Amino acid sequence: MPAAGQGNLHASEPFPQAAHHELGNTQLRANLRHATHTIRDKRLKVVGELPDWEELRDAGEAIKNFSMATLEQRLEEFERNFTAAGGTIHWARDAAEANEIVTALIREQQVAEVVKVKSMATQEIGLNEHLEAQGIDAYETDLAELIVQLGHDKPSHILVPAIHRNRTEVRDIFLREMPEVDPELTDDPPRLAEAARRHLRKKFLTAKVAISGANFALADTGTLGVVESEGNGRMCLTLPETLITVMGIEKVLPSWRDLEVFMQLLPRSSTGERMNPYSSLWTGVTPGDGPQNVHLILLDNGRTRALSDRVARSALNCIRCSACMNVCPVYERTGGHAYGSTYPGPIGAILSPLLTGIEAEENNSLPYASSLCGACYEACPVKINIPEILVHLRAEDVDSRRGQARLPSQMDLLMKGGSWALGSGKHLGLLEKALPLGQLAAGRRKKIKKLPGIAAGWTASRDIPAPPSKSFRDQWNAEKRSQ
């Protein structure tokens, strides 16, 4: 089995306990409900404009499946073309290697600060924390990431990391963390954006090194691409002399033509827009224009481990649009922090355990963070069957625990009993003879309010109606005899 992923991929406590804490935050729940419903409604409107939306989803799924099936060839092709264009490729087995490579590249430039454009991969490997420990300051330039950084917080959403904050909270963070900000700053969004712009402008103009993520890598041309909404990414990608990109190996696409599909799928699924306001594509080094020292770190960190799972490998098809999170009833109520990992919501519930292994710390609880309603599958632009993978990972979790236990668990005994009862009509008939005992347990109110053992989890939030005095089969046979 390939090496497991490291970094910010691990839950610190089981999801049920973490979710219980977050459910007590009424402001968080109000913020999440407002934000997710707004994005969801915008998405439905722009998706409804396309008569071939389902065909686009099919195409996106097919392209990503082909990329994953031929990943080794696609990566080698990309490396050849990226290198021929003047870029330098670095391969990182895990988070530790990636962090060390980035640190060494920054040291070569003899600087102590860098600017960053939003990157899930650098959050995954804990790059900011690593650089801080090395005496290097990393400044987030994406507005939402900046809010999270200044608030000494963690992202709560893939696309909108500060989705759990309202504008009043943002104003308070700016007043507390930005020394140069106007003390009379209001929570008017344009005023907040202006304050952030002034705070970042000097960083953009003086930074010699920038760090970016990548939404796509095109194998046939060696091109990298970043899409964003604010233009801050464009500043990071063009002004500094050195550009370091950290990208998961699953982001590679076969050809330039594939962008035709994903440039329609991604903006509509993520922000509910017809196109991204800023789409930046670069191919290596162009003399006299843009960064002249271009590096790309191709990150594994558990991805080949996920790829080895034939049932669940399609989780690597994710294009980080967050559509699954915006329709998930569980995420809407708990927020992203309850998942522990950099990747929250339905996609995080499958991706994090796949990268780390189902046995890692508390990640074995994440596949249960779902009602299996299927809304995430319907919303996913590349048709990742998240409910199917959740059930698969739950089975893996049960199997891993069974291998550790000396005695059968309550669930094992219940499943064994269910197999015996449902495996034979005679067995089921014998159990049906006990239905009057169920009525006796229900009492006068005809409701069973408490069950023992693990079944108590069911009756903790609902009552069970008293069973009938006769089974359906007994009633059917009686009816036939009377004719």
Protein backbone atom coordinates (compact mmCIF):
# COMPACT_ATOMS: atom_id res chain seq x y z
CA MET A 1 0.00 0.00 0.00
CA PRO A 2 1.39 3.46 -0.93
CA ALA A 3 2.26 5.92 1.85
CA ALA A 4 -0.59 7.61 3.71
CA GLY A 5 -1.20 11.34 3.54
CA GLN A 6 0.16 13.73 6.17
CA GLY A 7 -0.61 17.25 7.29
CA ASN A 8 -4.01 18.82 7.88
CA LEU A 9 -5.96 15.74 6.84
CA HIS A 10 -6.77 14.32 10.25
CA ALA A 11 -9.78 14.88 12.47
CA SER A 12 -8.79 15.63 16.07
CA GLU A 13 -11.95 14.03 17.48
CA PRO A 14 -14.75 11.84 16.12
CA PHE A 15 -17.20 13.68 13.88
CA PRO A 16 -20.24 13.18 16.16
CA GLN A 17 -18.52 14.94 19.06
CA ALA A 18 -17.12 17.72 16.87
CA ALA A 19 -20.50 18.23 15.18
CA HIS A 20 -22.20 18.44 18.57
CA HIS A 21 -19.95 21.37 19.53
CA GLU A 22 -20.58 23.22 16.27
CA LEU A 23 -24.35 22.72 16.44
CA GLY A 24 -24.37 24.89 19.55
CA ASN A 25 -23.09 27.90 17.55
CA THR A 26 -26.31 29.56 16.39
CA GLN A 27 -24.48 32.37 14.59
CA LEU A 28 -22.47 29.82 12.61
CA ARG A 29 -25.61 27.98 11.56
CA ALA A 30 -27.31 31.20 10.48
CA ASN A 31 -24.28 32.28 8.46
CA LEU A 32 -23.98 28.89 6.78
CA ARG A 33 -27.64 28.63 5.91
CA HIS A 34 -27.69 32.07 4.32
CA ALA A 35 -24.47 31.54 2.34
CA THR A 36 -25.11 27.99 1.10
CA HIS A 37 -28.67 28.74 0.04
CA THR A 38 -27.57 31.86 -1.83
CA ILE A 39 -24.87 29.96 -3.77
CA ARG A 40 -27.22 27.01 -4.34
CA ASP A 41 -29.93 29.21 -5.85
CA LYS A 42 -27.42 30.96 -8.14
CA ARG A 43 -26.08 27.61 -9.31
CA LEU A 44 -29.51 26.25 -10.15
CA LYS A 45 -30.28 29.32 -12.25
CA VAL A 46 -27.13 29.24 -14.41
CA VAL A 47 -27.13 25.44 -14.74
CA GLY A 48 -30.71 25.62 -15.96
CA GLU A 49 -29.59 27.84 -18.84
CA LEU A 50 -27.62 25.01 -20.47
CA PRO A 51 -29.62 22.39 -22.39
CA ASP A 52 -26.58 20.08 -22.44
CA TRP A 53 -25.67 20.27 -18.73
CA GLU A 54 -25.97 16.51 -18.21
CA GLU A 55 -23.84 15.86 -21.29
CA LEU A 56 -21.21 18.24 -19.87
CA ARG A 57 -21.24 16.27 -16.61
CA ASP A 58 -20.78 13.04 -18.56
CA ALA A 59 -17.87 14.57 -20.45
CA GLY A 60 -16.23 15.84 -17.26
CA GLU A 61 -16.54 12.42 -15.65
CA ALA A 62 -15.09 10.67 -18.72
CA ILE A 63 -12.12 13.05 -18.98
CA LYS A 64 -11.24 12.69 -15.30
CA ASN A 65 -11.65 8.90 -15.40
CA PHE A 66 -9.30 8.73 -18.38
CA SER A 67 -6.80 11.02 -16.63
CA MET A 68 -6.76 8.81 -13.54
CA ALA A 69 -6.53 5.61 -15.59
CA THR A 70 -3.49 6.95 -17.46
CA LEU A 71 -2.10 9.15 -14.68
CA GLU A 72 1.50 7.98 -14.99
CA GLN A 73 1.63 8.77 -18.72
CA ARG A 74 -0.14 12.12 -18.29
CA LEU A 75 2.28 13.23 -15.56
CA GLU A 76 5.34 12.24 -17.58
CA GLU A 77 3.97 14.08 -20.62
CA PHE A 78 3.27 17.16 -18.53
CA GLU A 79 6.76 17.08 -17.02
CA ARG A 80 8.39 16.98 -20.46
CA ASN A 81 6.39 19.92 -21.75
CA PHE A 82 6.61 22.01 -18.58
CA THR A 83 10.38 21.54 -18.41
CA ALA A 84 10.80 22.33 -22.12
CA ALA A 85 9.01 25.64 -21.49
CA GLY A 86 11.55 26.67 -18.85
CA GLY A 87 9.88 25.45 -15.67
CA THR A 88 11.32 23.15 -13.00
CA ILE A 89 9.45 20.12 -11.65
CA HIS A 90 9.81 18.77 -8.11
CA TRP A 91 8.17 15.54 -6.93
CA ALA A 92 6.98 15.33 -3.30
CA ARG A 93 6.01 12.02 -1.77
CA ASP A 94 4.26 13.60 1.22
CA ALA A 95 3.60 16.85 3.10
CA ALA A 96 7.00 16.90 4.79
CA GLU A 97 8.89 16.66 1.50
CA ALA A 98 6.74 19.33 -0.13
CA ASN A 99 7.26 21.74 2.77
CA GLU A 100 11.02 21.22 2.69
CA ILE A 101 11.17 21.84 -1.07
CA VAL A 102 9.20 25.09 -0.77
CA THR A 103 11.36 26.27 2.12
CA ALA A 104 14.59 25.57 0.21
CA LEU A 105 13.32 27.45 -2.86
CA ILE A 106 12.43 30.48 -0.74
CA ARG A 107 15.82 30.39 1.01
CA GLU A 108 17.54 30.47 -2.39
CA GLN A 109 15.93 33.86 -3.01
CA GLN A 110 17.11 35.15 0.38
CA VAL A 111 13.70 36.52 1.42
CA ALA A 112 11.70 36.15 4.61
CA GLU A 113 8.17 36.74 3.28
CA VAL A 114 6.01 35.48 0.43
CA VAL A 115 2.54 36.16 -0.97
CA LYS A 116 0.09 33.37 -1.71
CA VAL A 117 -2.90 32.84 -3.92
CA LYS A 118 -5.51 30.44 -2.59
CA SER A 119 -4.33 26.82 -2.63
CA MET A 120 -6.02 23.84 -1.01
CA ALA A 121 -2.83 21.80 -1.44
CA THR A 122 -0.78 24.17 0.73
CA GLN A 123 -3.49 24.10 3.38
CA GLU A 124 -3.45 20.32 3.21
CA ILE A 125 0.29 20.11 3.88
CA GLY A 126 0.28 22.84 6.54
CA LEU A 127 2.68 25.03 4.58
CA ASN A 128 1.89 28.30 6.38
CA GLU A 129 2.57 26.77 9.76
CA HIS A 130 5.79 25.19 8.50
CA LEU A 131 7.05 28.46 7.01
CA GLU A 132 6.22 30.34 10.21
CA ALA A 133 8.32 27.86 12.17
CA GLN A 134 11.17 28.57 9.72
CA GLY A 135 10.88 32.34 10.24
CA ILE A 136 9.16 33.00 6.90
CA ASP A 137 5.92 35.01 6.75
CA ALA A 138 3.31 33.87 4.22
CA TYR A 139 0.58 36.40 3.39
CA GLU A 140 -2.71 35.11 2.04
CA THR A 141 -4.07 37.38 -0.70
CA ASP A 142 -7.44 35.80 -1.38
CA LEU A 143 -9.92 37.89 0.64
CA ALA A 144 -11.61 34.94 2.36
CA GLU A 145 -8.25 33.29 3.11
CA LEU A 146 -6.99 36.61 4.48
CA ILE A 147 -9.99 36.80 6.83
CA VAL A 148 -9.29 33.28 8.07
CA GLN A 149 -5.58 34.02 8.52
CA LEU A 150 -6.09 37.29 10.38
CA GLY A 151 -8.78 35.68 12.52
CA HIS A 152 -6.35 32.90 13.56
CA ASP A 153 -9.02 30.53 12.28
CA LYS A 154 -9.33 27.55 9.98
CA PRO A 155 -11.18 27.41 6.65
CA SER A 156 -14.75 26.13 6.84
CA HIS A 157 -15.48 25.72 3.13
CA ILE A 158 -13.52 24.71 0.03
CA LEU A 159 -14.55 27.68 -2.08
CA VAL A 160 -15.45 30.29 0.55
CA PRO A 161 -13.12 29.59 3.50
CA ALA A 162 -14.68 32.34 5.64
CA ILE A 163 -18.27 31.31 4.91
CA HIS A 164 -18.87 30.93 8.65
CA ARG A 165 -18.13 34.64 9.25
CA ASN A 166 -20.59 37.49 8.68
CA ARG A 167 -19.51 40.97 7.68
CA THR A 168 -19.68 42.36 11.23
CA GLU A 169 -17.27 39.68 12.39
CA VAL A 170 -14.99 40.49 9.43
CA ARG A 171 -14.94 44.17 10.38
CA ASP A 172 -13.98 43.31 13.95
CA ILE A 173 -11.14 41.10 12.68
CA PHE A 174 -9.81 43.88 10.45
CA LEU A 175 -9.95 46.44 13.25
CA ARG A 176 -8.07 44.08 15.55
CA GLU A 177 -5.43 42.78 13.10
CA MET A 178 -4.74 45.61 10.64
CA PRO A 179 -2.81 48.42 12.35
CA GLU A 180 -3.27 50.80 9.41
CA VAL A 181 -7.03 50.39 9.09
CA ASP A 182 -9.42 53.31 9.67
CA PRO A 183 -10.77 53.00 13.24
CA GLU A 184 -14.14 54.16 11.90
CA LEU A 185 -14.33 51.19 9.50
CA THR A 186 -17.89 49.98 8.98
CA ASP A 187 -19.14 46.55 7.94
CA ASP A 188 -20.15 47.83 4.49
CA PRO A 189 -18.71 45.23 2.03
CA PRO A 190 -17.07 47.81 -0.32
CA ARG A 191 -15.36 49.44 2.67
CA LEU A 192 -14.13 46.06 3.89
CA ALA A 193 -12.81 45.18 0.43
CA GLU A 194 -11.02 48.53 0.21
CA ALA A 195 -9.38 47.96 3.60
CA ALA A 196 -8.12 44.56 2.46
CA ARG A 197 -6.89 46.03 -0.84
CA ARG A 198 -4.85 48.71 0.92
CA HIS A 199 -3.45 46.13 3.35
CA LEU A 200 -2.27 43.87 0.51
CA ARG A 201 -1.07 46.41 -2.06
CA LYS A 202 2.39 46.90 -0.54
CA LYS A 203 2.84 43.14 -0.28
CA PHE A 204 2.08 42.69 -3.98
CA LEU A 205 4.48 45.41 -5.05
CA THR A 206 7.40 44.27 -2.89
CA ALA A 207 7.12 40.48 -2.87
CA LYS A 208 9.86 38.62 -4.71
CA VAL A 209 8.35 35.15 -4.22
CA ALA A 210 4.75 33.97 -4.70
CA ILE A 211 3.17 30.62 -3.96
CA SER A 212 0.12 29.40 -5.84
CA GLY A 213 -2.10 26.43 -6.28
CA ALA A 214 -3.48 25.18 -9.59
CA ASN A 215 -6.94 24.18 -10.72
CA PHE A 216 -5.68 22.41 -13.84
CA ALA A 217 -2.48 21.18 -15.48
CA LEU A 218 -2.60 20.45 -19.20
CA ALA A 219 -0.35 17.58 -20.18
CA ASP A 220 -0.09 18.31 -23.92
CA THR A 221 1.27 21.85 -23.45
CA GLY A 222 2.76 21.91 -19.94
CA THR A 223 0.30 24.68 -18.98
CA LEU A 224 -0.96 25.49 -15.47
CA GLY A 225 -4.22 27.27 -14.74
CA VAL A 226 -5.79 29.12 -11.80
CA VAL A 227 -9.34 30.50 -11.77
CA GLU A 228 -10.50 33.04 -9.18
CA SER A 229 -12.90 35.91 -8.61
CA GLU A 230 -10.88 38.82 -7.23
CA GLY A 231 -7.77 39.37 -9.32
CA ASN A 232 -5.44 38.95 -6.36
CA GLY A 233 -4.28 35.69 -7.88
CA ARG A 234 -3.35 37.50 -11.08
CA MET A 235 -1.15 39.84 -9.01
CA CYS A 236 0.62 36.88 -7.40
CA LEU A 237 1.12 35.08 -10.69
CA THR A 238 2.61 37.98 -12.64
CA LEU A 239 4.48 40.42 -10.36
CA PRO A 240 7.02 38.36 -8.33
CA GLU A 241 10.25 37.13 -9.86
CA THR A 242 9.82 33.60 -8.46
CA LEU A 243 6.61 31.57 -8.66
CA ILE A 244 6.23 28.30 -6.76
CA THR A 245 3.14 26.21 -7.46
CA VAL A 246 2.04 23.30 -5.25
CA MET A 247 -0.41 20.95 -6.97
CA GLY A 248 -1.85 17.52 -6.31
CA ILE A 249 -0.98 15.00 -9.01
CA GLU A 250 -4.67 14.38 -9.73
CA LYS A 251 -5.15 17.87 -11.26
CA VAL A 252 -3.54 16.93 -14.60
CA LEU A 253 -5.79 16.82 -17.70
CA PRO A 254 -4.85 15.26 -21.04
CA SER A 255 -5.20 18.26 -23.34
CA TRP A 256 -5.98 21.94 -23.80
CA ARG A 257 -9.35 21.02 -25.36
CA ASP A 258 -10.50 19.61 -22.03
CA LEU A 259 -10.74 23.14 -20.65
CA GLU A 260 -13.78 23.66 -22.88
CA VAL A 261 -15.68 21.30 -20.58
CA PHE A 262 -14.29 22.33 -17.21
CA MET A 263 -14.49 26.07 -17.83
CA GLN A 264 -18.25 25.54 -18.10
CA LEU A 265 -18.63 23.06 -15.25
CA LEU A 266 -16.48 24.75 -12.60
CA PRO A 267 -17.81 28.34 -12.40
CA ARG A 268 -21.45 27.29 -12.57
CA SER A 269 -20.99 24.63 -9.90
CA SER A 270 -18.86 26.72 -7.56
CA THR A 271 -19.95 30.38 -7.52
CA GLY A 272 -23.04 30.18 -9.71
CA GLU A 273 -21.36 32.27 -12.42
CA ARG A 274 -21.28 31.67 -16.16
CA MET A 275 -17.53 32.16 -16.22
CA ASN A 276 -14.73 32.93 -13.79
CA PRO A 277 -13.88 36.65 -13.58
CA TYR A 278 -10.14 35.86 -13.67
CA SER A 279 -8.70 32.83 -15.48
CA SER A 280 -4.89 32.76 -15.49
CA LEU A 281 -2.94 30.29 -17.63
CA TRP A 282 0.84 30.14 -17.87
CA THR A 283 3.29 27.89 -19.66
CA GLY A 284 6.79 27.93 -18.21
CA VAL A 285 8.90 31.09 -18.58
CA THR A 286 8.53 33.94 -21.07
CA PRO A 287 11.67 36.14 -21.18
CA GLY A 288 10.93 39.64 -19.93
CA ASP A 289 7.33 38.87 -19.01
CA GLY A 290 6.18 37.54 -15.64
CA PRO A 291 8.12 35.29 -13.25
CA GLN A 292 11.47 34.14 -14.57
CA ASN A 293 12.01 31.45 -11.94
CA VAL A 294 9.05 29.03 -12.18
CA HIS A 295 8.72 25.87 -10.10
CA LEU A 296 6.01 23.24 -9.72
CA ILE A 297 5.81 20.76 -6.84
CA LEU A 298 3.76 17.70 -7.79
CA LEU A 299 2.28 16.38 -4.56
CA ASP A 300 1.27 12.79 -3.84
CA ASN A 301 0.51 12.78 -0.08
CA GLY A 302 -1.79 9.76 -0.19
CA ARG A 303 -3.18 10.21 -3.70
CA THR A 304 -1.66 7.02 -5.09
CA ARG A 305 -3.08 5.31 -2.03
CA ALA A 306 -6.55 6.57 -2.97
CA LEU A 307 -5.94 5.60 -6.59
CA SER A 308 -5.34 2.01 -5.53
CA ASP A 309 -8.94 1.75 -4.26
CA ARG A 310 -10.91 0.63 -7.32
CA VAL A 311 -14.28 1.49 -5.76
CA ALA A 312 -13.42 4.90 -4.34
CA ARG A 313 -10.70 6.24 -6.66
CA SER A 314 -13.23 8.51 -8.44
CA ALA A 315 -12.97 10.81 -5.38
CA LEU A 316 -9.76 12.06 -7.03
CA ASN A 317 -11.92 13.41 -9.88
CA CYS A 318 -13.00 16.27 -7.60
CA ILE A 319 -12.45 19.73 -9.13
CA ARG A 320 -12.96 21.51 -5.76
CA CYS A 321 -16.16 23.31 -6.76
CA SER A 322 -17.91 22.77 -3.37
CA ALA A 323 -21.32 22.08 -4.97
CA CYS A 324 -21.71 18.99 -2.77
CA MET A 325 -21.23 21.08 0.38
CA ASN A 326 -23.82 23.66 -0.60
CA VAL A 327 -26.58 21.04 -0.87
CA CYS A 328 -25.55 18.82 2.07
CA PRO A 329 -27.98 18.99 5.05
CA VAL A 330 -25.25 17.77 7.41
CA TYR A 331 -22.64 20.35 6.36
CA GLU A 332 -25.22 23.16 6.46
CA ARG A 333 -25.77 22.52 10.15
CA THR A 334 -22.28 21.66 11.35
CA GLY A 335 -19.95 23.71 9.13
CA GLY A 336 -16.51 22.69 7.96
CA HIS A 337 -14.64 22.70 11.27
CA ALA A 338 -16.49 19.60 12.46
CA TYR A 339 -14.73 17.52 9.79
CA GLY A 340 -11.26 18.35 11.15
CA SER A 341 -9.54 18.07 7.76
CA THR A 342 -8.73 20.69 5.15
CA TYR A 343 -11.45 19.02 3.06
CA PRO A 344 -14.87 19.34 4.72
CA GLY A 345 -18.35 18.37 3.62
CA PRO A 346 -19.34 15.28 1.61
CA ILE A 347 -16.17 15.26 -0.50
CA GLY A 348 -14.05 15.56 2.64
CA ALA A 349 -15.92 12.68 4.25
CA ILE A 350 -14.55 10.39 1.55
CA LEU A 351 -11.33 12.10 0.44
CA SER A 352 -9.67 12.48 3.84
CA PRO A 353 -10.08 8.80 4.86
CA LEU A 354 -8.88 7.73 1.42
CA LEU A 355 -5.72 9.83 1.65
CA THR A 356 -4.85 8.83 5.21
CA GLY A 357 -6.36 5.36 5.42
CA ILE A 358 -9.60 4.56 7.21
CA GLU A 359 -7.70 3.58 10.38
CA ALA A 360 -6.02 7.00 10.78
CA GLU A 361 -6.84 8.75 14.05
CA GLU A 362 -10.51 9.79 14.06
CA ASN A 363 -11.01 9.78 10.29
CA ASN A 364 -12.94 6.51 10.48
CA SER A 365 -15.94 8.51 11.73
CA LEU A 366 -16.10 10.75 8.64
CA PRO A 367 -17.87 8.30 6.29
CA TYR A 368 -20.78 8.30 8.75
CA ALA A 369 -21.17 12.11 8.49
CA SER A 370 -23.98 11.74 5.94
CA SER A 371 -27.64 10.88 5.65
CA LEU A 372 -26.95 9.23 2.26
CA CYS A 373 -29.66 11.43 0.73
CA GLY A 374 -27.76 11.58 -2.57
CA ALA A 375 -27.99 15.36 -3.06
CA CYS A 376 -24.19 15.58 -3.34
CA TYR A 377 -24.13 13.08 -6.22
CA GLU A 378 -26.83 14.99 -8.08
CA ALA A 379 -24.91 18.27 -7.68
CA CYS A 380 -21.40 16.99 -8.49
CA PRO A 381 -20.29 18.31 -11.91
CA VAL A 382 -18.09 15.25 -12.54
CA LYS A 383 -20.61 12.75 -11.15
CA ILE A 384 -18.63 11.39 -8.20
CA ASN A 385 -20.94 8.86 -6.56
CA ILE A 386 -20.25 10.07 -3.03
CA PRO A 387 -23.00 8.00 -1.32
CA GLU A 388 -21.67 4.79 -2.86
CA ILE A 389 -18.13 5.59 -1.71
CA LEU A 390 -19.38 6.48 1.79
CA VAL A 391 -21.02 3.04 2.10
CA HIS A 392 -17.83 1.40 0.79
CA LEU A 393 -15.70 3.21 3.38
CA ARG A 394 -18.13 2.34 6.16
CA ALA A 395 -17.70 -1.31 5.23
CA GLU A 396 -13.92 -0.90 5.30
CA ASP A 397 -14.16 0.68 8.74
CA VAL A 398 -16.27 -2.20 10.06
CA ASP A 399 -13.87 -4.75 8.57
CA SER A 400 -10.85 -3.01 10.09
CA ARG A 401 -12.44 -3.04 13.54
CA ARG A 402 -13.46 -6.67 13.20
CA GLY A 403 -9.83 -7.55 12.56
CA GLN A 404 -8.80 -5.85 15.81
CA ALA A 405 -11.56 -7.24 18.04
CA ARG A 406 -11.19 -10.57 19.86
CA LEU A 407 -14.94 -10.94 20.42
CA PRO A 408 -17.78 -10.20 17.97
CA SER A 409 -19.34 -6.76 18.40
CA GLN A 410 -23.03 -6.03 18.94
CA MET A 411 -23.28 -5.06 15.28
CA ASP A 412 -21.72 -8.38 14.23
CA LEU A 413 -24.28 -10.28 16.32
CA LEU A 414 -27.16 -8.20 14.97
CA MET A 415 -26.07 -8.73 11.38
CA LYS A 416 -25.62 -12.45 12.01
CA GLY A 417 -29.08 -12.63 13.52
CA GLY A 418 -30.57 -10.67 10.63
CA SER A 419 -28.90 -12.99 8.13
CA TRP A 420 -30.36 -16.01 9.92
CA ALA A 421 -33.86 -14.50 10.09
CA LEU A 422 -34.05 -13.24 6.52
CA GLY A 423 -32.26 -16.22 5.01
CA SER A 424 -35.22 -18.54 5.43
CA GLY A 425 -38.99 -18.16 5.37
CA LYS A 426 -39.31 -20.68 8.20
CA HIS A 427 -36.91 -18.68 10.38
CA LEU A 428 -38.83 -15.46 9.72
CA GLY A 429 -42.08 -17.22 10.51
CA LEU A 430 -40.72 -18.31 13.88
CA LEU A 431 -39.76 -14.74 14.75
CA GLU A 432 -43.19 -13.47 13.70
CA LYS A 433 -44.72 -15.63 16.40
CA ALA A 434 -43.11 -13.24 18.90
CA LEU A 435 -45.01 -10.17 17.66
CA PRO A 436 -47.36 -10.18 20.69
CA LEU A 437 -44.29 -9.74 22.88
CA GLY A 438 -43.53 -6.52 20.96
CA GLN A 439 -47.03 -5.26 21.72
CA LEU A 440 -46.50 -6.07 25.37
CA ALA A 441 -43.21 -4.09 25.37
CA ALA A 442 -44.99 -1.11 23.78
CA GLY A 443 -47.40 -0.84 26.70
CA ARG A 444 -50.63 1.12 26.75
CA ARG A 445 -49.28 3.97 24.62
CA LYS A 446 -48.46 1.52 21.83
CA LYS A 447 -44.91 2.90 21.49
CA ILE A 448 -41.50 1.40 22.24
CA LYS A 449 -39.47 4.25 23.69
CA LYS A 450 -36.21 2.54 24.63
CA LEU A 451 -34.14 -0.29 23.19
CA PRO A 452 -30.97 -1.81 24.70
CA GLY A 453 -27.39 -1.75 23.42
CA ILE A 454 -26.51 -0.02 20.17
CA ALA A 455 -30.20 0.02 19.23
CA ALA A 456 -30.61 2.73 21.88
CA GLY A 457 -29.22 5.17 19.34
CA TRP A 458 -32.41 4.72 17.32
CA THR A 459 -34.84 5.29 20.18
CA ALA A 460 -32.84 8.21 21.55
CA SER A 461 -34.54 10.49 19.01
CA ARG A 462 -37.66 8.56 17.93
CA ASP A 463 -40.28 6.11 19.15
CA ILE A 464 -41.09 2.78 17.52
CA PRO A 465 -44.81 2.05 16.94
CA ALA A 466 -46.08 -1.15 18.47
CA PRO A 467 -45.89 -4.08 16.03
CA PRO A 468 -49.16 -5.56 14.74
CA SER A 469 -50.67 -8.53 16.51
CA LYS A 470 -50.36 -10.61 13.33
CA SER A 471 -47.79 -10.50 10.56
CA PHE A 472 -48.74 -9.68 6.99
CA ARG A 473 -48.14 -13.28 5.96
CA ASP A 474 -50.47 -14.58 8.70
CA GLN A 475 -53.15 -12.13 7.62
CA TRP A 476 -52.67 -13.12 3.97
CA ASN A 477 -52.98 -16.82 4.73
CA ALA A 478 -56.07 -16.20 6.84
CA GLU A 479 -57.64 -14.23 4.00
CA LYS A 480 -56.91 -17.03 1.51
CA ARG A 481 -58.41 -19.65 3.82
CA SER A 482 -61.63 -17.64 4.19
CA GLN A 483 -62.21 -17.47 0.42
